[in-house]
PDB file of N, CA and C in Angstrom:
ATOM      1  N   UNK A   1      28.467  12.773  14.531  1.00  0.00           N
ATOM      2  CA  UNK A   1      28.637  12.425  13.129  1.00  0.00           C
ATOM      3  C   UNK A   1      27.380  12.826  12.365  1.00  0.00           C
ATOM      4  N   UNK A   2      27.565  13.516  11.283  1.00  0.00           N
ATOM      5  CA  UNK A   2      26.451  14.012  10.480  1.00  0.00           C
ATOM      6  C   UNK A   2      25.912  12.898   9.582  1.00  0.00           C
ATOM      7  N   UNK A   3      24.631  13.004   9.263  1.00  0.00           N
ATOM      8  CA  UNK A   3      24.015  12.037   8.361  1.00  0.00           C
ATOM      9  C   UNK A   3      24.491  12.263   6.939  1.00  0.00           C
ATOM     10  N   UNK A   4      24.679  11.179   6.243  1.00  0.00           N
ATOM     11  CA  UNK A   4      25.088  11.243   4.840  1.00  0.00           C
ATOM     12  C   UNK A   4      23.830  11.051   3.983  1.00  0.00           C
ATOM     13  N   UNK A   5      23.142  12.146   3.711  1.00  0.00           N
ATOM     14  CA  UNK A   5      21.877  12.089   2.982  1.00  0.00           C
ATOM     15  C   UNK A   5      22.052  11.569   1.562  1.00  0.00           C
ATOM     16  N   UNK A   6      23.164  11.903   0.956  1.00  0.00           N
ATOM     17  CA  UNK A   6      23.404  11.450  -0.409  1.00  0.00           C
ATOM     18  C   UNK A   6      23.509   9.918  -0.444  1.00  0.00           C
ATOM     19  N   UNK A   7      24.227   9.347   0.511  1.00  0.00           N
ATOM     20  CA  UNK A   7      24.358   7.884   0.574  1.00  0.00           C
ATOM     21  C   UNK A   7      23.013   7.232   0.888  1.00  0.00           C
ATOM     22  N   UNK A   8      22.260   7.816   1.801  1.00  0.00           N
ATOM     23  CA  UNK A   8      20.935   7.277   2.134  1.00  0.00           C
ATOM     24  C   UNK A   8      20.041   7.268   0.897  1.00  0.00           C
ATOM     25  N   UNK A   9      20.077   8.348   0.137  1.00  0.00           N
ATOM     26  CA  UNK A   9      19.272   8.434  -1.080  1.00  0.00           C
ATOM     27  C   UNK A   9      19.692   7.375  -2.085  1.00  0.00           C
ATOM     28  N   UNK A  10      21.022   7.161  -2.243  1.00  0.00           N
ATOM     29  CA  UNK A  10      21.514   6.153  -3.179  1.00  0.00           C
ATOM     30  C   UNK A  10      21.094   4.748  -2.752  1.00  0.00           C
ATOM     31  N   UNK A  11      21.151   4.454  -1.456  1.00  0.00           N
ATOM     32  CA  UNK A  11      20.730   3.152  -0.957  1.00  0.00           C
ATOM     33  C   UNK A  11      19.232   2.943  -1.180  1.00  0.00           C
ATOM     34  N   UNK A  12      18.447   3.984  -0.919  1.00  0.00           N
ATOM     35  CA  UNK A  12      17.001   3.893  -1.106  1.00  0.00           C
ATOM     36  C   UNK A  12      16.663   3.679  -2.583  1.00  0.00           C
ATOM     37  N   UNK A  13      17.357   4.390  -3.443  1.00  0.00           N
ATOM     38  CA  UNK A  13      17.136   4.261  -4.878  1.00  0.00           C
ATOM     39  C   UNK A  13      17.471   2.849  -5.343  1.00  0.00           C
ATOM     40  N   UNK A  14      18.562   2.271  -4.826  1.00  0.00           N
ATOM     41  CA  UNK A  14      18.945   0.912  -5.194  1.00  0.00           C
ATOM     42  C   UNK A  14      17.919  -0.093  -4.676  1.00  0.00           C
ATOM     43  N   UNK A  15      17.415   0.132  -3.464  1.00  0.00           N
ATOM     44  CA  UNK A  15      16.413  -0.769  -2.898  1.00  0.00           C
ATOM     45  C   UNK A  15      15.122  -0.725  -3.711  1.00  0.00           C
ATOM     46  N   UNK A  16      14.671   0.461  -4.058  1.00  0.00           N
ATOM     47  CA  UNK A  16      13.429   0.613  -4.822  1.00  0.00           C
ATOM     48  C   UNK A  16      13.523   0.028  -6.222  1.00  0.00           C
ATOM     49  N   UNK A  17      14.736  -0.162  -6.728  1.00  0.00           N
ATOM     50  CA  UNK A  17      14.918  -0.699  -8.075  1.00  0.00           C
ATOM     51  C   UNK A  17      14.898  -2.221  -8.106  1.00  0.00           C
ATOM     52  N   UNK A  18      14.884  -2.870  -6.950  1.00  0.00           N
ATOM     53  CA  UNK A  18      14.870  -4.337  -6.920  1.00  0.00           C
ATOM     54  C   UNK A  18      13.584  -4.856  -7.549  1.00  0.00           C
ATOM     55  N   UNK A  19      13.676  -5.929  -8.329  1.00  0.00           N
ATOM     56  CA  UNK A  19      12.474  -6.467  -8.981  1.00  0.00           C
ATOM     57  C   UNK A  19      11.369  -6.858  -8.002  1.00  0.00           C
ATOM     58  N   UNK A  20      11.724  -7.414  -6.856  1.00  0.00           N
ATOM     59  CA  UNK A  20      10.696  -7.822  -5.890  1.00  0.00           C
ATOM     60  C   UNK A  20       9.967  -6.617  -5.314  1.00  0.00           C
ATOM     61  N   UNK A  21      10.674  -5.542  -5.055  1.00  0.00           N
ATOM     62  CA  UNK A  21      10.066  -4.326  -4.518  1.00  0.00           C
ATOM     63  C   UNK A  21       9.175  -3.674  -5.568  1.00  0.00           C
ATOM     64  N   UNK A  22       9.653  -3.653  -6.811  1.00  0.00           N
ATOM     65  CA  UNK A  22       8.856  -3.082  -7.905  1.00  0.00           C
ATOM     66  C   UNK A  22       7.574  -3.876  -8.131  1.00  0.00           C
ATOM     67  N   UNK A  23       7.655  -5.207  -8.027  1.00  0.00           N
ATOM     68  CA  UNK A  23       6.478  -6.049  -8.237  1.00  0.00           C
ATOM     69  C   UNK A  23       5.425  -5.792  -7.166  1.00  0.00           C
ATOM     70  N   UNK A  24       5.859  -5.654  -5.913  1.00  0.00           N
ATOM     71  CA  UNK A  24       4.911  -5.372  -4.827  1.00  0.00           C
ATOM     72  C   UNK A  24       4.261  -4.000  -5.010  1.00  0.00           C
ATOM     73  N   UNK A  25       5.061  -3.006  -5.392  1.00  0.00           N
ATOM     74  CA  UNK A  25       4.528  -1.660  -5.602  1.00  0.00           C
ATOM     75  C   UNK A  25       3.523  -1.663  -6.753  1.00  0.00           C
ATOM     76  N   UNK A  26       3.837  -2.384  -7.836  1.00  0.00           N
ATOM     77  CA  UNK A  26       2.924  -2.473  -8.973  1.00  0.00           C
ATOM     78  C   UNK A  26       1.623  -3.156  -8.577  1.00  0.00           C
ATOM     79  N   UNK A  27       1.703  -4.175  -7.725  1.00  0.00           N
ATOM     80  CA  UNK A  27       0.498  -4.863  -7.273  1.00  0.00           C
ATOM     81  C   UNK A  27      -0.387  -3.924  -6.455  1.00  0.00           C
ATOM     82  N   UNK A  28       0.233  -3.122  -5.587  1.00  0.00           N
ATOM     83  CA  UNK A  28      -0.543  -2.159  -4.795  1.00  0.00           C
ATOM     84  C   UNK A  28      -1.202  -1.109  -5.681  1.00  0.00           C
ATOM     85  N   UNK A  29      -0.491  -0.669  -6.712  1.00  0.00           N
ATOM     86  CA  UNK A  29      -1.049   0.332  -7.614  1.00  0.00           C
ATOM     87  C   UNK A  29      -2.178  -0.258  -8.468  1.00  0.00           C
ATOM     88  N   UNK A  30      -2.066  -1.521  -8.852  1.00  0.00           N
ATOM     89  CA  UNK A  30      -3.147  -2.175  -9.591  1.00  0.00           C
ATOM     90  C   UNK A  30      -4.408  -2.251  -8.740  1.00  0.00           C
ATOM     91  N   UNK A  31      -4.236  -2.523  -7.451  1.00  0.00           N
ATOM     92  CA  UNK A  31      -5.388  -2.589  -6.548  1.00  0.00           C
ATOM     93  C   UNK A  31      -6.066  -1.224  -6.464  1.00  0.00           C
ATOM     94  N   UNK A  32      -5.284  -0.175  -6.328  1.00  0.00           N
ATOM     95  CA  UNK A  32      -5.853   1.171  -6.232  1.00  0.00           C
ATOM     96  C   UNK A  32      -6.566   1.552  -7.530  1.00  0.00           C
ATOM     97  N   UNK A  33      -5.951   1.224  -8.675  1.00  0.00           N
ATOM     98  CA  UNK A  33      -6.575   1.545  -9.963  1.00  0.00           C
ATOM     99  C   UNK A  33      -7.885   0.788 -10.156  1.00  0.00           C
ATOM    100  N   UNK A  34      -7.933  -0.453  -9.683  1.00  0.00           N
ATOM    101  CA  UNK A  34      -9.174  -1.216  -9.848  1.00  0.00           C
ATOM    102  C   UNK A  34     -10.303  -0.610  -9.015  1.00  0.00           C
ATOM    103  N   UNK A  35     -10.001  -0.159  -7.808  1.00  0.00           N
ATOM    104  CA  UNK A  35     -11.040   0.477  -6.993  1.00  0.00           C
ATOM    105  C   UNK A  35     -11.382   1.875  -7.508  1.00  0.00           C
ATOM    106  N   UNK A  36     -10.416   2.556  -8.114  1.00  0.00           N
ATOM    107  CA  UNK A  36     -10.701   3.858  -8.721  1.00  0.00           C
ATOM    108  C   UNK A  36     -11.707   3.705  -9.853  1.00  0.00           C
ATOM    109  N   UNK A  37     -11.535   2.686 -10.656  1.00  0.00           N
ATOM    110  CA  UNK A  37     -12.460   2.502 -11.782  1.00  0.00           C
ATOM    111  C   UNK A  37     -13.841   2.068 -11.294  1.00  0.00           C
ATOM    112  N   UNK A  38     -13.887   1.378 -10.168  1.00  0.00           N
ATOM    113  CA  UNK A  38     -15.161   0.885  -9.650  1.00  0.00           C
ATOM    114  C   UNK A  38     -15.925   1.954  -8.857  1.00  0.00           C
ATOM    115  N   UNK A  39     -15.218   2.711  -8.004  1.00  0.00           N
ATOM    116  CA  UNK A  39     -15.880   3.646  -7.095  1.00  0.00           C
ATOM    117  C   UNK A  39     -15.675   5.119  -7.437  1.00  0.00           C
ATOM    118  N   UNK A  40     -14.673   5.435  -8.224  1.00  0.00           N
ATOM    119  CA  UNK A  40     -14.411   6.822  -8.586  1.00  0.00           C
ATOM    120  C   UNK A  40     -13.377   7.458  -7.674  1.00  0.00           C
ATOM    121  N   UNK A  41     -12.835   8.559  -8.152  1.00  0.00           N
ATOM    122  CA  UNK A  41     -11.756   9.227  -7.441  1.00  0.00           C
ATOM    123  C   UNK A  41     -12.216   9.866  -6.134  1.00  0.00           C
ATOM    124  N   UNK A  42     -13.437  10.357  -6.103  1.00  0.00           N
ATOM    125  CA  UNK A  42     -13.932  11.022  -4.901  1.00  0.00           C
ATOM    126  C   UNK A  42     -14.015  10.061  -3.718  1.00  0.00           C
ATOM    127  N   UNK A  43     -14.358   8.814  -3.975  1.00  0.00           N
ATOM    128  CA  UNK A  43     -14.488   7.831  -2.896  1.00  0.00           C
ATOM    129  C   UNK A  43     -13.135   7.461  -2.298  1.00  0.00           C
ATOM    130  N   UNK A  44     -12.062   7.585  -3.076  1.00  0.00           N
ATOM    131  CA  UNK A  44     -10.740   7.195  -2.585  1.00  0.00           C
ATOM    132  C   UNK A  44      -9.884   8.367  -2.126  1.00  0.00           C
ATOM    133  N   UNK A  45     -10.376   9.576  -2.235  1.00  0.00           N
ATOM    134  CA  UNK A  45      -9.583  10.736  -1.866  1.00  0.00           C
ATOM    135  C   UNK A  45      -9.284  10.698  -0.366  1.00  0.00           C
ATOM    136  N   UNK A  46      -8.006  10.657  -0.024  1.00  0.00           N
ATOM    137  CA  UNK A  46      -7.588  10.611   1.367  1.00  0.00           C
ATOM    138  C   UNK A  46      -7.771   9.264   2.026  1.00  0.00           C
ATOM    139  N   UNK A  47      -8.051   8.241   1.241  1.00  0.00           N
ATOM    140  CA  UNK A  47      -8.292   6.895   1.774  1.00  0.00           C
ATOM    141  C   UNK A  47      -7.205   5.939   1.294  1.00  0.00           C
ATOM    142  N   UNK A  48      -7.143   4.785   1.945  1.00  0.00           N
ATOM    143  CA  UNK A  48      -6.226   3.724   1.541  1.00  0.00           C
ATOM    144  C   UNK A  48      -7.010   2.539   1.013  1.00  0.00           C
ATOM    145  N   UNK A  49      -6.372   1.762   0.169  1.00  0.00           N
ATOM    146  CA  UNK A  49      -6.940   0.497  -0.273  1.00  0.00           C
ATOM    147  C   UNK A  49      -6.374  -0.579   0.641  1.00  0.00           C
ATOM    148  N   UNK A  50      -7.250  -1.305   1.307  1.00  0.00           N
ATOM    149  CA  UNK A  50      -6.840  -2.318   2.267  1.00  0.00           C
ATOM    150  C   UNK A  50      -7.019  -3.699   1.664  1.00  0.00           C
ATOM    151  N   UNK A  51      -6.024  -4.550   1.861  1.00  0.00           N
ATOM    152  CA  UNK A  51      -6.109  -5.955   1.474  1.00  0.00           C
ATOM    153  C   UNK A  51      -6.500  -6.732   2.724  1.00  0.00           C
ATOM    154  N   UNK A  52      -7.671  -7.307   2.733  1.00  0.00           N
ATOM    155  CA  UNK A  52      -8.198  -7.967   3.927  1.00  0.00           C
ATOM    156  C   UNK A  52      -7.297  -9.088   4.423  1.00  0.00           C
ATOM    157  N   UNK A  53      -6.709  -9.844   3.498  1.00  0.00           N
ATOM    158  CA  UNK A  53      -5.882 -10.974   3.917  1.00  0.00           C
ATOM    159  C   UNK A  53      -4.403 -10.608   4.057  1.00  0.00           C
ATOM    160  N   UNK A  54      -4.078  -9.318   3.985  1.00  0.00           N
ATOM    161  CA  UNK A  54      -2.729  -8.776   4.164  1.00  0.00           C
ATOM    162  C   UNK A  54      -1.762  -9.157   3.053  1.00  0.00           C
ATOM    163  N   UNK A  55      -2.258  -9.728   1.972  1.00  0.00           N
ATOM    164  CA  UNK A  55      -1.426 -10.109   0.836  1.00  0.00           C
ATOM    165  C   UNK A  55      -1.607  -9.066  -0.261  1.00  0.00           C
ATOM    166  N   UNK A  56      -0.598  -8.214  -0.442  1.00  0.00           N
ATOM    167  CA  UNK A  56      -0.739  -7.098  -1.385  1.00  0.00           C
ATOM    168  C   UNK A  56      -0.767  -7.541  -2.839  1.00  0.00           C
ATOM    169  N   UNK A  57      -0.440  -8.797  -3.121  1.00  0.00           N
ATOM    170  CA  UNK A  57      -0.500  -9.272  -4.502  1.00  0.00           C
ATOM    171  C   UNK A  57      -1.849  -9.888  -4.836  1.00  0.00           C
ATOM    172  N   UNK A  58      -2.715 -10.079  -3.841  1.00  0.00           N
ATOM    173  CA  UNK A  58      -4.048 -10.645  -4.067  1.00  0.00           C
ATOM    174  C   UNK A  58      -5.032  -9.499  -4.278  1.00  0.00           C
ATOM    175  N   UNK A  59      -5.293  -9.180  -5.542  1.00  0.00           N
ATOM    176  CA  UNK A  59      -6.156  -8.048  -5.869  1.00  0.00           C
ATOM    177  C   UNK A  59      -7.553  -8.479  -6.290  1.00  0.00           C
ATOM    178  N   UNK A  60      -8.026  -9.580  -5.757  1.00  0.00           N
ATOM    179  CA  UNK A  60      -9.387 -10.010  -6.072  1.00  0.00           C
ATOM    180  C   UNK A  60     -10.366  -9.019  -5.434  1.00  0.00           C
ATOM    181  N   UNK A  61     -11.481  -8.737  -6.092  1.00  0.00           N
ATOM    182  CA  UNK A  61     -12.435  -7.748  -5.568  1.00  0.00           C
ATOM    183  C   UNK A  61     -12.922  -8.061  -4.154  1.00  0.00           C
ATOM    184  N   UNK A  62     -13.038  -9.330  -3.812  1.00  0.00           N
ATOM    185  CA  UNK A  62     -13.507  -9.679  -2.470  1.00  0.00           C
ATOM    186  C   UNK A  62     -12.449  -9.421  -1.402  1.00  0.00           C
ATOM    187  N   UNK A  63     -11.200  -9.218  -1.801  1.00  0.00           N
ATOM    188  CA  UNK A  63     -10.124  -8.986  -0.853  1.00  0.00           C
ATOM    189  C   UNK A  63      -9.830  -7.500  -0.648  1.00  0.00           C
ATOM    190  N   UNK A  64     -10.395  -6.634  -1.461  1.00  0.00           N
ATOM    191  CA  UNK A  64     -10.094  -5.207  -1.389  1.00  0.00           C
ATOM    192  C   UNK A  64     -11.215  -4.440  -0.712  1.00  0.00           C
ATOM    193  N   UNK A  65     -10.828  -3.420   0.055  1.00  0.00           N
ATOM    194  CA  UNK A  65     -11.813  -2.528   0.657  1.00  0.00           C
ATOM    195  C   UNK A  65     -11.178  -1.153   0.838  1.00  0.00           C
ATOM    196  N   UNK A  66     -12.019  -0.145   0.932  1.00  0.00           N
ATOM    197  CA  UNK A  66     -11.571   1.233   1.121  1.00  0.00           C
ATOM    198  C   UNK A  66     -11.650   1.541   2.606  1.00  0.00           C
ATOM    199  N   UNK A  67     -10.542   2.049   3.152  1.00  0.00           N
ATOM    200  CA  UNK A  67     -10.520   2.396   4.569  1.00  0.00           C
ATOM    201  C   UNK A  67      -9.800   3.720   4.749  1.00  0.00           C
ATOM    202  N   UNK A  68     -10.051   4.365   5.867  1.00  0.00           N
ATOM    203  CA  UNK A  68      -9.321   5.591   6.173  1.00  0.00           C
ATOM    204  C   UNK A  68      -7.862   5.225   6.442  1.00  0.00           C
ATOM    205  N   UNK A  69      -6.988   6.195   6.277  1.00  0.00           N
ATOM    206  CA  UNK A  69      -5.571   5.933   6.501  1.00  0.00           C
ATOM    207  C   UNK A  69      -5.327   5.496   7.940  1.00  0.00           C
ATOM    208  N   UNK A  70      -5.998   6.120   8.873  1.00  0.00           N
ATOM    209  CA  UNK A  70      -5.796   5.803  10.283  1.00  0.00           C
ATOM    210  C   UNK A  70      -6.198   4.365  10.597  1.00  0.00           C
ATOM    211  N   UNK A  71      -7.346   3.942  10.127  1.00  0.00           N
ATOM    212  CA  UNK A  71      -7.790   2.589  10.436  1.00  0.00           C
ATOM    213  C   UNK A  71      -6.990   1.540   9.668  1.00  0.00           C
ATOM    214  N   UNK A  72      -6.577   1.855   8.433  1.00  0.00           N
ATOM    215  CA  UNK A  72      -5.828   0.887   7.644  1.00  0.00           C
ATOM    216  C   UNK A  72      -4.415   0.704   8.176  1.00  0.00           C
ATOM    217  N   UNK A  73      -3.807   1.758   8.619  1.00  0.00           N
ATOM    218  CA  UNK A  73      -2.414   1.678   9.049  1.00  0.00           C
ATOM    219  C   UNK A  73      -2.274   1.328  10.520  1.00  0.00           C
ATOM    220  N   UNK A  74      -3.375   1.253  11.239  1.00  0.00           N
ATOM    221  CA  UNK A  74      -3.298   0.958  12.660  1.00  0.00           C
ATOM    222  C   UNK A  74      -3.861  -0.381  13.060  1.00  0.00           C
ATOM    223  N   UNK A  75      -4.686  -1.006  12.248  1.00  0.00           N
ATOM    224  CA  UNK A  75      -5.366  -2.222  12.679  1.00  0.00           C
ATOM    225  C   UNK A  75      -4.448  -3.423  12.776  1.00  0.00           C
ATOM    226  N   UNK A  76      -3.301  -3.386  12.137  1.00  0.00           N
ATOM    227  CA  UNK A  76      -2.393  -4.528  12.180  1.00  0.00           C
ATOM    228  C   UNK A  76      -1.509  -4.528  13.424  1.00  0.00           C
ATOM    229  N   UNK A  77      -1.453  -3.435  14.136  1.00  0.00           N
ATOM    230  CA  UNK A  77      -0.522  -3.308  15.249  1.00  0.00           C
ATOM    231  C   UNK A  77      -1.137  -3.804  16.548  1.00  0.00           C
ATOM    232  N   UNK A  78      -1.179  -5.103  16.700  1.00  0.00           N
ATOM    233  CA  UNK A  78      -1.631  -5.685  17.955  1.00  0.00           C
ATOM    234  C   UNK A  78      -3.128  -5.774  18.129  1.00  0.00           C
ATOM    235  N   UNK A  79      -3.875  -5.314  17.154  1.00  0.00           N
ATOM    236  CA  UNK A  79      -5.333  -5.404  17.255  1.00  0.00           C
ATOM    237  C   UNK A  79      -5.787  -6.704  16.635  1.00  0.00           C
ATOM    238  N   UNK A  80      -6.877  -7.222  17.108  1.00  0.00           N
ATOM    239  CA  UNK A  80      -7.321  -8.510  16.601  1.00  0.00           C
ATOM    240  C   UNK A  80      -8.467  -8.341  15.616  1.00  0.00           C
ATOM    241  N   UNK A  81      -8.450  -9.141  14.585  1.00  0.00           N
ATOM    242  CA  UNK A  81      -9.558  -9.262  13.659  1.00  0.00           C
ATOM    243  C   UNK A  81      -9.816  -8.045  12.781  1.00  0.00           C
ATOM    244  N   UNK A  82     -10.884  -8.168  12.006  1.00  0.00           N
ATOM    245  CA  UNK A  82     -11.325  -7.107  11.106  1.00  0.00           C
ATOM    246  C   UNK A  82     -12.526  -6.424  11.703  1.00  0.00           C
ATOM    247  N   UNK A  83     -12.752  -5.189  11.286  1.00  0.00           N
ATOM    248  CA  UNK A  83     -13.953  -4.475  11.735  1.00  0.00           C
ATOM    249  C   UNK A  83     -14.944  -4.442  10.637  1.00  0.00           C
TER     250      UNK A  83
END
């Protein structure tokens, strides 16, 4: 059975339009914009903004840090603590 890409796209589009999903995405973008204004674009190029307490809606300066994509996307998978 072949994949129905059109249906997958429609489902994804409907999911992304949910208010809760939009709010989380906006919170993540606010965090990135705040670090961009503080550190500049060069410091964030190819990097991720990490929320230390894993709460993407908590954009307090003490909760945000700049990390490489590899370390940010891998530290939650069975690893303990912060580095």
